[in-house]
Amino acid sequence: MAWIRTISETEAGSDLKRLYGEMLDPRSGKVDHVLKVHGLNPEGLRAHWTLYRAAMRATPGLRKVEREMIACVVSSLNGCHY
């Protein structure tokens, strides 16, 4: 759970709710916490989402699961604990 105040899907105003709608996890139907920490700054959230999608689509020779695995290893090497 994030220590940063997050805004739930039900609390979100119309602009944030629309952004969240683009970011719903297809399996859970929820927005990932790592995205919700940007909820107080929708412009920052949009930038994070745009960067994430660009990075994850920039390597068409890798499957999504392989890209996610690489991201996990890099996060671990960087000491990221999420």
Protein backbone atom coordinates (compact mmCIF):
# COMPACT_ATOMS: atom_id res chain seq x y z
CA MET A 1 0.00 0.00 0.00
CA ALA A 2 1.30 3.44 -0.91
CA TRP A 3 2.15 5.96 1.78
CA ILE A 4 1.15 8.68 -0.62
CA ARG A 5 -2.50 9.68 -0.53
CA THR A 6 -4.21 8.07 -3.48
CA ILE A 7 -7.56 8.75 -5.07
CA SER A 8 -9.76 5.72 -5.63
CA GLU A 9 -11.77 5.17 -8.79
CA THR A 10 -14.94 6.07 -6.89
CA GLU A 11 -13.46 9.32 -5.49
CA ALA A 12 -12.00 10.48 -8.81
CA GLY A 13 -13.40 13.53 -10.56
CA SER A 14 -14.41 13.29 -14.21
CA ASP A 15 -10.96 13.98 -15.73
CA LEU A 16 -9.15 11.57 -13.40
CA LYS A 17 -11.90 8.98 -13.79
CA ARG A 18 -11.43 9.12 -17.57
CA LEU A 19 -7.66 8.63 -17.17
CA TYR A 20 -8.20 5.75 -14.78
CA GLY A 21 -10.55 4.19 -17.32
CA GLU A 22 -7.67 4.00 -19.80
CA MET A 23 -5.46 2.32 -17.20
CA LEU A 24 -7.68 -0.43 -15.82
CA ASP A 25 -5.92 -3.74 -15.47
CA PRO A 26 -7.82 -6.14 -17.72
CA ARG A 27 -7.56 -8.98 -15.21
CA SER A 28 -8.49 -7.18 -12.00
CA GLY A 29 -10.57 -4.33 -13.41
CA LYS A 30 -8.63 -1.97 -11.10
CA VAL A 31 -5.98 0.70 -11.50
CA ASP A 32 -2.54 -0.36 -10.24
CA HIS A 33 -1.34 1.40 -7.08
CA VAL A 34 1.84 2.54 -8.85
CA LEU A 35 -0.42 4.61 -11.11
CA LYS A 36 -2.78 5.83 -8.39
CA VAL A 37 0.08 7.56 -6.56
CA HIS A 38 -0.04 10.07 -9.41
CA GLY A 39 -3.76 10.69 -8.92
CA LEU A 40 -3.18 14.02 -7.19
CA ASN A 41 -1.41 15.21 -10.33
CA PRO A 42 -3.33 13.98 -13.40
CA GLU A 43 -0.80 15.56 -15.78
CA GLY A 44 1.97 13.56 -14.09
CA LEU A 45 -0.20 10.46 -14.28
CA ARG A 46 -0.72 10.94 -18.01
CA ALA A 47 3.05 11.44 -18.50
CA HIS A 48 3.86 8.29 -16.46
CA TRP A 49 1.34 6.23 -18.46
CA THR A 50 2.61 7.56 -21.79
CA LEU A 51 6.23 6.79 -20.88
CA TYR A 52 5.33 3.32 -19.59
CA ARG A 53 3.40 2.40 -22.73
CA ALA A 54 6.16 3.73 -24.99
CA ALA A 55 8.81 1.76 -23.13
CA MET A 56 6.77 -1.42 -23.11
CA ARG A 57 5.97 -1.21 -26.83
CA ALA A 58 9.43 -0.18 -28.02
CA THR A 59 10.71 -3.73 -28.11
CA PRO A 60 8.37 -5.66 -30.43
CA GLY A 61 10.77 -8.63 -30.48
CA LEU A 62 10.01 -9.32 -26.80
CA ARG A 63 6.76 -10.60 -25.35
CA LYS A 64 5.06 -8.46 -22.72
CA VAL A 65 5.94 -10.97 -20.00
CA GLU A 66 9.63 -10.69 -20.97
CA ARG A 67 9.51 -6.89 -20.85
CA GLU A 68 7.84 -7.03 -17.42
CA MET A 69 10.50 -9.46 -16.20
CA ILE A 70 13.26 -7.11 -17.35
CA ALA A 71 11.51 -4.22 -15.58
CA CYS A 72 11.35 -6.27 -12.36
CA VAL A 73 15.05 -7.12 -12.52
CA VAL A 74 16.02 -3.50 -13.19
CA SER A 75 13.78 -2.33 -10.32
CA SER A 76 15.40 -4.86 -8.02
CA LEU A 77 18.90 -3.78 -9.06
CA ASN A 78 17.88 -0.16 -8.41
CA GLY A 79 16.63 -1.05 -4.93
CA CYS A 80 12.98 -0.38 -5.76
CA HIS A 81 10.79 -2.26 -3.29
CA TYR A 82 7.38 -1.94 -4.88
